[in-house]
PDB file of N, CA and C in Angstrom:
ATOM      1  N   MET A   1     -15.406 -10.460  14.116  1.00  0.00           N
ATOM      2  CA  MET A   1     -16.127  -9.796  13.056  1.00  0.00           C
ATOM      3  C   MET A   1     -15.373  -9.973  11.743  1.00  0.00           C
ATOM      4  N   MET A   2     -16.118 -10.194  10.674  1.00  0.00           N
ATOM      5  CA  MET A   2     -15.545 -10.331   9.337  1.00  0.00           C
ATOM      6  C   MET A   2     -15.750  -9.023   8.577  1.00  0.00           C
ATOM      7  N   VAL A   3     -14.689  -8.518   7.999  1.00  0.00           N
ATOM      8  CA  VAL A   3     -14.764  -7.308   7.176  1.00  0.00           C
ATOM      9  C   VAL A   3     -14.083  -7.622   5.858  1.00  0.00           C
ATOM     10  N   ALA A   4     -14.835  -7.583   4.775  1.00  0.00           N
ATOM     11  CA  ALA A   4     -14.279  -7.859   3.447  1.00  0.00           C
ATOM     12  C   ALA A   4     -13.399  -9.095   3.466  1.00  0.00           C
ATOM     13  N   GLY A   5     -13.876 -10.153   4.106  1.00  0.00           N
ATOM     14  CA  GLY A   5     -13.137 -11.407   4.148  1.00  0.00           C
ATOM     15  C   GLY A   5     -12.060 -11.462   5.216  1.00  0.00           C
ATOM     16  N   VAL A   6     -11.977 -10.441   6.074  1.00  0.00           N
ATOM     17  CA  VAL A   6     -10.955 -10.410   7.118  1.00  0.00           C
ATOM     18  C   VAL A   6     -11.624 -10.654   8.465  1.00  0.00           C
ATOM     19  N   ASN A   7     -11.182 -11.655   9.176  1.00  0.00           N
ATOM     20  CA  ASN A   7     -11.706 -11.978  10.492  1.00  0.00           C
ATOM     21  C   ASN A   7     -10.902 -11.186  11.526  1.00  0.00           C
ATOM     22  N   LEU A   8     -11.405  -9.995  11.874  1.00  0.00           N
ATOM     23  CA  LEU A   8     -10.667  -9.122  12.786  1.00  0.00           C
ATOM     24  C   LEU A   8     -10.546  -9.710  14.188  1.00  0.00           C
ATOM     25  N   ASP A   9     -11.579 -10.406  14.644  1.00  0.00           N
ATOM     26  CA  ASP A   9     -11.489 -11.035  15.967  1.00  0.00           C
ATOM     27  C   ASP A   9     -10.397 -12.106  15.972  1.00  0.00           C
ATOM     28  N   GLY A  10     -10.334 -12.876  14.901  1.00  0.00           N
ATOM     29  CA  GLY A  10      -9.284 -13.885  14.791  1.00  0.00           C
ATOM     30  C   GLY A  10      -7.909 -13.256  14.733  1.00  0.00           C
ATOM     31  N   TRP A  11      -7.804 -12.153  13.983  1.00  0.00           N
ATOM     32  CA  TRP A  11      -6.525 -11.448  13.916  1.00  0.00           C
ATOM     33  C   TRP A  11      -6.123 -10.922  15.288  1.00  0.00           C
ATOM     34  N   ALA A  12      -7.066 -10.294  15.993  1.00  0.00           N
ATOM     35  CA  ALA A  12      -6.757  -9.745  17.319  1.00  0.00           C
ATOM     36  C   ALA A  12      -6.263 -10.848  18.251  1.00  0.00           C
ATOM     37  N   ALA A  13      -6.932 -11.998  18.200  1.00  0.00           N
ATOM     38  CA  ALA A  13      -6.518 -13.119  19.049  1.00  0.00           C
ATOM     39  C   ALA A  13      -5.119 -13.603  18.671  1.00  0.00           C
ATOM     40  N   SER A  14      -4.856 -13.714  17.380  1.00  0.00           N
ATOM     41  CA  SER A  14      -3.537 -14.222  16.972  1.00  0.00           C
ATOM     42  C   SER A  14      -2.426 -13.219  17.275  1.00  0.00           C
ATOM     43  N   LEU A  15      -2.764 -11.935  17.285  1.00  0.00           N
ATOM     44  CA  LEU A  15      -1.772 -10.903  17.597  1.00  0.00           C
ATOM     45  C   LEU A  15      -1.583 -10.715  19.101  1.00  0.00           C
ATOM     46  N   GLY A  16      -2.514 -11.273  19.870  1.00  0.00           N
ATOM     47  CA  GLY A  16      -2.425 -11.142  21.329  1.00  0.00           C
ATOM     48  C   GLY A  16      -2.784  -9.747  21.812  1.00  0.00           C
ATOM     49  N   VAL A  17      -3.702  -9.078  21.108  1.00  0.00           N
ATOM     50  CA  VAL A  17      -4.122  -7.738  21.505  1.00  0.00           C
ATOM     51  C   VAL A  17      -5.603  -7.746  21.841  1.00  0.00           C
ATOM     52  N   SER A  18      -6.000  -6.809  22.702  1.00  0.00           N
ATOM     53  CA  SER A  18      -7.396  -6.770  23.109  1.00  0.00           C
ATOM     54  C   SER A  18      -8.134  -5.552  22.576  1.00  0.00           C
ATOM     55  N   ASN A  19      -7.410  -4.609  21.959  1.00  0.00           N
ATOM     56  CA  ASN A  19      -8.117  -3.449  21.418  1.00  0.00           C
ATOM     57  C   ASN A  19      -7.583  -3.107  20.028  1.00  0.00           C
ATOM     58  N   ASP A  20      -8.404  -2.389  19.294  1.00  0.00           N
ATOM     59  CA  ASP A  20      -8.095  -2.100  17.902  1.00  0.00           C
ATOM     60  C   ASP A  20      -6.879  -1.201  17.742  1.00  0.00           C
ATOM     61  N   ASP A  21      -6.698  -0.241  18.646  1.00  0.00           N
ATOM     62  CA  ASP A  21      -5.551   0.657  18.531  1.00  0.00           C
ATOM     63  C   ASP A  21      -4.227  -0.103  18.653  1.00  0.00           C
ATOM     64  N   ASP A  22      -4.158  -1.039  19.589  1.00  0.00           N
ATOM     65  CA  ASP A  22      -2.952  -1.861  19.710  1.00  0.00           C
ATOM     66  C   ASP A  22      -2.760  -2.719  18.465  1.00  0.00           C
ATOM     67  N   ALA A  23      -3.864  -3.241  17.940  1.00  0.00           N
ATOM     68  CA  ALA A  23      -3.784  -4.080  16.740  1.00  0.00           C
ATOM     69  C   ALA A  23      -3.231  -3.294  15.558  1.00  0.00           C
ATOM     70  N   VAL A  24      -3.638  -2.040  15.411  1.00  0.00           N
ATOM     71  CA  VAL A  24      -3.139  -1.205  14.316  1.00  0.00           C
ATOM     72  C   VAL A  24      -1.618  -1.136  14.377  1.00  0.00           C
ATOM     73  N   GLY A  25      -1.069  -0.899  15.568  1.00  0.00           N
ATOM     74  CA  GLY A  25       0.379  -0.796  15.714  1.00  0.00           C
ATOM     75  C   GLY A  25       1.104  -2.092  15.404  1.00  0.00           C
ATOM     76  N   VAL A  26       0.566  -3.187  15.887  1.00  0.00           N
ATOM     77  CA  VAL A  26       1.212  -4.481  15.662  1.00  0.00           C
ATOM     78  C   VAL A  26       1.144  -4.864  14.180  1.00  0.00           C
ATOM     79  N   VAL A  27      -0.006  -4.652  13.573  1.00  0.00           N
ATOM     80  CA  VAL A  27      -0.162  -4.999  12.153  1.00  0.00           C
ATOM     81  C   VAL A  27       0.737  -4.107  11.290  1.00  0.00           C
ATOM     82  N   GLU A  28       0.837  -2.829  11.637  1.00  0.00           N
ATOM     83  CA  GLU A  28       1.711  -1.943  10.865  1.00  0.00           C
ATOM     84  C   GLU A  28       3.166  -2.384  10.984  1.00  0.00           C
ATOM     85  N   ASP A  29       3.575  -2.814  12.170  1.00  0.00           N
ATOM     86  CA  ASP A  29       4.939  -3.329  12.340  1.00  0.00           C
ATOM     87  C   ASP A  29       5.161  -4.566  11.465  1.00  0.00           C
ATOM     88  N   LEU A  30       4.200  -5.468  11.458  1.00  0.00           N
ATOM     89  CA  LEU A  30       4.305  -6.663  10.610  1.00  0.00           C
ATOM     90  C   LEU A  30       4.373  -6.283   9.135  1.00  0.00           C
ATOM     91  N   ARG A  31       3.513  -5.343   8.714  1.00  0.00           N
ATOM     92  CA  ARG A  31       3.501  -4.918   7.320  1.00  0.00           C
ATOM     93  C   ARG A  31       4.850  -4.316   6.918  1.00  0.00           C
ATOM     94  N   ALA A  32       5.397  -3.493   7.782  1.00  0.00           N
ATOM     95  CA  ALA A  32       6.690  -2.872   7.482  1.00  0.00           C
ATOM     96  C   ALA A  32       7.790  -3.923   7.387  1.00  0.00           C
ATOM     97  N   ARG A  33       7.742  -4.911   8.255  1.00  0.00           N
ATOM     98  CA  ARG A  33       8.746  -5.980   8.212  1.00  0.00           C
ATOM     99  C   ARG A  33       8.613  -6.813   6.944  1.00  0.00           C
ATOM    100  N   VAL A  34       7.389  -7.135   6.550  1.00  0.00           N
ATOM    101  CA  VAL A  34       7.169  -7.906   5.318  1.00  0.00           C
ATOM    102  C   VAL A  34       7.641  -7.098   4.119  1.00  0.00           C
ATOM    103  N   GLN A  35       7.298  -5.802   4.087  1.00  0.00           N
ATOM    104  CA  GLN A  35       7.718  -4.969   2.964  1.00  0.00           C
ATOM    105  C   GLN A  35       9.239  -4.845   2.922  1.00  0.00           C
ATOM    106  N   GLY A  36       9.867  -4.778   4.084  1.00  0.00           N
ATOM    107  CA  GLY A  36      11.328  -4.741   4.130  1.00  0.00           C
ATOM    108  C   GLY A  36      11.946  -6.005   3.557  1.00  0.00           C
ATOM    109  N   GLN A  37      11.328  -7.134   3.840  1.00  0.00           N
ATOM    110  CA  GLN A  37      11.822  -8.389   3.289  1.00  0.00           C
ATOM    111  C   GLN A  37      11.625  -8.428   1.776  1.00  0.00           C
ATOM    112  N   ALA A  38      10.507  -7.897   1.297  1.00  0.00           N
ATOM    113  CA  ALA A  38      10.276  -7.835  -0.154  1.00  0.00           C
ATOM    114  C   ALA A  38      11.349  -6.985  -0.818  1.00  0.00           C
ATOM    115  N   ASP A  39      11.692  -5.878  -0.187  1.00  0.00           N
ATOM    116  CA  ASP A  39      12.737  -5.012  -0.739  1.00  0.00           C
ATOM    117  C   ASP A  39      14.083  -5.738  -0.777  1.00  0.00           C
ATOM    118  N   THR A  40      14.393  -6.450   0.287  1.00  0.00           N
ATOM    119  CA  THR A  40      15.656  -7.198   0.350  1.00  0.00           C
ATOM    120  C   THR A  40      15.710  -8.275  -0.723  1.00  0.00           C
ATOM    121  N   VAL A  41      14.634  -9.035  -0.866  1.00  0.00           N
ATOM    122  CA  VAL A  41      14.593 -10.095  -1.876  1.00  0.00           C
ATOM    123  C   VAL A  41      14.652  -9.482  -3.282  1.00  0.00           C
ATOM    124  N   GLY A  42      14.008  -8.336  -3.465  1.00  0.00           N
ATOM    125  CA  GLY A  42      14.069  -7.664  -4.762  1.00  0.00           C
ATOM    126  C   GLY A  42      15.493  -7.265  -5.134  1.00  0.00           C
ATOM    127  N   LYS A  43      16.251  -6.818  -4.154  1.00  0.00           N
ATOM    128  CA  LYS A  43      17.660  -6.480  -4.405  1.00  0.00           C
ATOM    129  C   LYS A  43      18.467  -7.726  -4.750  1.00  0.00           C
ATOM    130  N   LEU A  44      18.171  -8.836  -4.091  1.00  0.00           N
ATOM    131  CA  LEU A  44      18.835 -10.096  -4.435  1.00  0.00           C
ATOM    132  C   LEU A  44      18.500 -10.498  -5.862  1.00  0.00           C
ATOM    133  N   GLN A  45      17.235 -10.342  -6.222  1.00  0.00           N
ATOM    134  CA  GLN A  45      16.824 -10.683  -7.585  1.00  0.00           C
ATOM    135  C   GLN A  45      17.584  -9.827  -8.599  1.00  0.00           C
ATOM    136  N   ASP A  46      17.739  -8.558  -8.312  1.00  0.00           N
ATOM    137  CA  ASP A  46      18.476  -7.671  -9.222  1.00  0.00           C
ATOM    138  C   ASP A  46      19.903  -8.154  -9.431  1.00  0.00           C
ATOM    139  N   ARG A  47      20.514  -8.667  -8.377  1.00  0.00           N
ATOM    140  CA  ARG A  47      21.907  -9.119  -8.474  1.00  0.00           C
ATOM    141  C   ARG A  47      22.062 -10.356  -9.338  1.00  0.00           C
ATOM    142  N   VAL A  48      21.029 -11.191  -9.396  1.00  0.00           N
ATOM    143  CA  VAL A  48      21.145 -12.452 -10.145  1.00  0.00           C
ATOM    144  C   VAL A  48      20.261 -12.474 -11.391  1.00  0.00           C
ATOM    145  N   ARG A  49      19.727 -11.332 -11.764  1.00  0.00           N
ATOM    146  CA  ARG A  49      18.767 -11.262 -12.874  1.00  0.00           C
ATOM    147  C   ARG A  49      19.290 -11.922 -14.152  1.00  0.00           C
ATOM    148  N   SER A  50      20.555 -11.737 -14.469  1.00  0.00           N
ATOM    149  CA  SER A  50      21.084 -12.277 -15.728  1.00  0.00           C
ATOM    150  C   SER A  50      21.759 -13.632 -15.565  1.00  0.00           C
ATOM    151  N   SER A  51      21.656 -14.210 -14.391  1.00  0.00           N
ATOM    152  CA  SER A  51      22.291 -15.518 -14.181  1.00  0.00           C
ATOM    153  C   SER A  51      21.455 -16.627 -14.815  1.00  0.00           C
ATOM    154  N   PRO A  52      22.099 -17.743 -15.155  1.00  0.00           N
ATOM    155  CA  PRO A  52      21.341 -18.864 -15.717  1.00  0.00           C
ATOM    156  C   PRO A  52      20.510 -19.528 -14.615  1.00  0.00           C
ATOM    157  N   GLY A  53      19.497 -20.217 -15.027  1.00  0.00           N
ATOM    158  CA  GLY A  53      18.667 -20.943 -14.067  1.00  0.00           C
ATOM    159  C   GLY A  53      17.437 -20.153 -13.655  1.00  0.00           C
ATOM    160  N   ASP A  54      16.748 -20.701 -12.688  1.00  0.00           N
ATOM    161  CA  ASP A  54      15.446 -20.165 -12.275  1.00  0.00           C
ATOM    162  C   ASP A  54      15.500 -19.278 -11.039  1.00  0.00           C
ATOM    163  N   VAL A  55      16.669 -19.038 -10.489  1.00  0.00           N
ATOM    164  CA  VAL A  55      16.756 -18.309  -9.221  1.00  0.00           C
ATOM    165  C   VAL A  55      16.105 -16.935  -9.325  1.00  0.00           C
ATOM    166  N   SER A  56      16.391 -16.198 -10.392  1.00  0.00           N
ATOM    167  CA  SER A  56      15.817 -14.858 -10.539  1.00  0.00           C
ATOM    168  C   SER A  56      14.291 -14.913 -10.614  1.00  0.00           C
ATOM    169  N   VAL A  57      13.778 -15.879 -11.368  1.00  0.00           N
ATOM    170  CA  VAL A  57      12.325 -16.027 -11.488  1.00  0.00           C
ATOM    171  C   VAL A  57      11.714 -16.370 -10.135  1.00  0.00           C
ATOM    172  N   LEU A  58      12.316 -17.277  -9.420  1.00  0.00           N
ATOM    173  CA  LEU A  58      11.800 -17.668  -8.110  1.00  0.00           C
ATOM    174  C   LEU A  58      11.854 -16.515  -7.119  1.00  0.00           C
ATOM    175  N   LEU A  59      12.922 -15.749  -7.159  1.00  0.00           N
ATOM    176  CA  LEU A  59      13.002 -14.572  -6.290  1.00  0.00           C
ATOM    177  C   LEU A  59      11.931 -13.551  -6.657  1.00  0.00           C
ATOM    178  N   GLY A  60      11.655 -13.401  -7.944  1.00  0.00           N
ATOM    179  CA  GLY A  60      10.574 -12.518  -8.375  1.00  0.00           C
ATOM    180  C   GLY A  60       9.221 -12.970  -7.845  1.00  0.00           C
ATOM    181  N   GLN A  61       9.002 -14.271  -7.858  1.00  0.00           N
ATOM    182  CA  GLN A  61       7.757 -14.808  -7.305  1.00  0.00           C
ATOM    183  C   GLN A  61       7.676 -14.553  -5.804  1.00  0.00           C
ATOM    184  N   ALA A  62       8.806 -14.683  -5.129  1.00  0.00           N
ATOM    185  CA  ALA A  62       8.840 -14.420  -3.690  1.00  0.00           C
ATOM    186  C   ALA A  62       8.499 -12.956  -3.409  1.00  0.00           C
ATOM    187  N   VAL A  63       9.049 -12.048  -4.201  1.00  0.00           N
ATOM    188  CA  VAL A  63       8.739 -10.630  -4.038  1.00  0.00           C
ATOM    189  C   VAL A  63       7.246 -10.397  -4.230  1.00  0.00           C
ATOM    190  N   SER A  64       6.681 -11.005  -5.245  1.00  0.00           N
ATOM    191  CA  SER A  64       5.259 -10.841  -5.517  1.00  0.00           C
ATOM    192  C   SER A  64       4.407 -11.344  -4.347  1.00  0.00           C
ATOM    193  N   LEU A  65       4.758 -12.498  -3.805  1.00  0.00           N
ATOM    194  CA  LEU A  65       4.018 -13.042  -2.664  1.00  0.00           C
ATOM    195  C   LEU A  65       4.163 -12.159  -1.427  1.00  0.00           C
ATOM    196  N   LEU A  66       5.363 -11.652  -1.185  1.00  0.00           N
ATOM    197  CA  LEU A  66       5.566 -10.752  -0.045  1.00  0.00           C
ATOM    198  C   LEU A  66       4.781  -9.458  -0.227  1.00  0.00           C
ATOM    199  N   ASP A  67       4.744  -8.935  -1.452  1.00  0.00           N
ATOM    200  CA  ASP A  67       3.941  -7.741  -1.724  1.00  0.00           C
ATOM    201  C   ASP A  67       2.459  -8.014  -1.483  1.00  0.00           C
ATOM    202  N   ASP A  68       1.988  -9.193  -1.892  1.00  0.00           N
ATOM    203  CA  ASP A  68       0.588  -9.562  -1.646  1.00  0.00           C
ATOM    204  C   ASP A  68       0.304  -9.632  -0.151  1.00  0.00           C
ATOM    205  N   ALA A  69       1.228 -10.196   0.611  1.00  0.00           N
ATOM    206  CA  ALA A  69       1.050 -10.286   2.066  1.00  0.00           C
ATOM    207  C   ALA A  69       1.008  -8.891   2.681  1.00  0.00           C
ATOM    208  N   ALA A  70       1.881  -8.006   2.229  1.00  0.00           N
ATOM    209  CA  ALA A  70       1.887  -6.635   2.744  1.00  0.00           C
ATOM    210  C   ALA A  70       0.565  -5.939   2.417  1.00  0.00           C
ATOM    211  N   ASP A  71       0.045  -6.151   1.207  1.00  0.00           N
ATOM    212  CA  ASP A  71      -1.239  -5.566   0.819  1.00  0.00           C
ATOM    213  C   ASP A  71      -2.367  -6.086   1.709  1.00  0.00           C
ATOM    214  N   GLU A  72      -2.345  -7.362   2.003  1.00  0.00           N
ATOM    215  CA  GLU A  72      -3.371  -7.936   2.877  1.00  0.00           C
ATOM    216  C   GLU A  72      -3.285  -7.327   4.275  1.00  0.00           C
ATOM    217  N   LEU A  73      -2.073  -7.120   4.756  1.00  0.00           N
ATOM    218  CA  LEU A  73      -1.903  -6.507   6.075  1.00  0.00           C
ATOM    219  C   LEU A  73      -2.408  -5.066   6.087  1.00  0.00           C
ATOM    220  N   VAL A  74      -2.311  -4.373   4.967  1.00  0.00           N
ATOM    221  CA  VAL A  74      -2.882  -3.020   4.869  1.00  0.00           C
ATOM    222  C   VAL A  74      -4.391  -3.083   5.083  1.00  0.00           C
ATOM    223  N   GLU A  75      -5.033  -4.082   4.487  1.00  0.00           N
ATOM    224  CA  GLU A  75      -6.487  -4.242   4.653  1.00  0.00           C
ATOM    225  C   GLU A  75      -6.843  -4.568   6.098  1.00  0.00           C
ATOM    226  N   VAL A  76      -6.072  -5.436   6.717  1.00  0.00           N
ATOM    227  CA  VAL A  76      -6.318  -5.788   8.121  1.00  0.00           C
ATOM    228  C   VAL A  76      -6.162  -4.549   8.994  1.00  0.00           C
ATOM    229  N   ARG A  77      -5.071  -3.814   8.791  1.00  0.00           N
ATOM    230  CA  ARG A  77      -4.824  -2.595   9.566  1.00  0.00           C
ATOM    231  C   ARG A  77      -5.972  -1.602   9.390  1.00  0.00           C
ATOM    232  N   ALA A  78      -6.459  -1.459   8.159  1.00  0.00           N
ATOM    233  CA  ALA A  78      -7.551  -0.516   7.887  1.00  0.00           C
ATOM    234  C   ALA A  78      -8.816  -0.897   8.652  1.00  0.00           C
ATOM    235  N   GLY A  79      -9.101  -2.185   8.713  1.00  0.00           N
ATOM    236  CA  GLY A  79     -10.267  -2.634   9.471  1.00  0.00           C
ATOM    237  C   GLY A  79     -10.163  -2.286  10.939  1.00  0.00           C
ATOM    238  N   PHE A  80      -8.996  -2.506  11.511  1.00  0.00           N
ATOM    239  CA  PHE A  80      -8.792  -2.138  12.911  1.00  0.00           C
ATOM    240  C   PHE A  80      -8.829  -0.617  13.080  1.00  0.00           C
ATOM    241  N   ALA A  81      -8.257   0.122  12.147  1.00  0.00           N
ATOM    242  CA  ALA A  81      -8.222   1.578  12.253  1.00  0.00           C
ATOM    243  C   ALA A  81      -9.622   2.185  12.209  1.00  0.00           C
ATOM    244  N   ARG A  82     -10.523   1.532  11.479  1.00  0.00           N
ATOM    245  CA  ARG A  82     -11.919   1.999  11.416  1.00  0.00           C
ATOM    246  C   ARG A  82     -12.721   1.518  12.621  1.00  0.00           C
ATOM    247  N   HIS A  83     -12.094   0.781  13.500  1.00  0.00           N
ATOM    248  CA  HIS A  83     -12.750   0.236  14.703  1.00  0.00           C
ATOM    249  C   HIS A  83     -14.012  -0.534  14.327  1.00  0.00           C
ATOM    250  N   GLU A  84     -13.896  -1.375  13.304  1.00  0.00           N
ATOM    251  CA  GLU A  84     -15.052  -2.111  12.800  1.00  0.00           C
ATOM    252  C   GLU A  84     -15.505  -3.224  13.733  1.00  0.00           C
ATOM    253  N   ARG A  85     -14.717  -3.527  14.744  1.00  0.00           N
ATOM    254  CA  ARG A  85     -15.151  -4.544  15.704  1.00  0.00           C
ATOM    255  C   ARG A  85     -16.038  -3.919  16.776  1.00  0.00           C
ATOM    256  N   GLY A  86     -16.128  -2.594  16.801  1.00  0.00           N
ATOM    257  CA  GLY A  86     -16.906  -1.907  17.823  1.00  0.00           C
ATOM    258  C   GLY A  86     -16.107  -1.765  19.107  1.00  0.00           C
ATOM    259  N   PRO A  87     -16.718  -1.148  20.134  1.00  0.00           N
ATOM    260  CA  PRO A  87     -15.985  -0.936  21.387  1.00  0.00           C
ATOM    261  C   PRO A  87     -15.625  -2.252  22.053  1.00  0.00           C
ATOM    262  N   ARG A  88     -14.433  -2.288  22.619  1.00  0.00           N
ATOM    263  CA  ARG A  88     -13.970  -3.490  23.335  1.00  0.00           C
ATOM    264  C   ARG A  88     -13.582  -3.108  24.732  1.00  0.00           C
TER     265      ARG A  88
END
């Protein structure tokens, strides 16, 4: 099933889960891990912010991409939490 551009059946298959409740837990774990990585990269960026070169800018872009991924995982989790795939 597609919800706001999210293929929940495809997500469930890729996560190796057969029900929405399990998917919520797995997706939340992934989201937390991605957000943790964004926080770590953000701290690295802070350490090199005034250094010459592009490292700080590139780390900032990485943080932005990780934040976008975490936001997308929130949407996926919400779809599973609403049980939009119906009973399984």
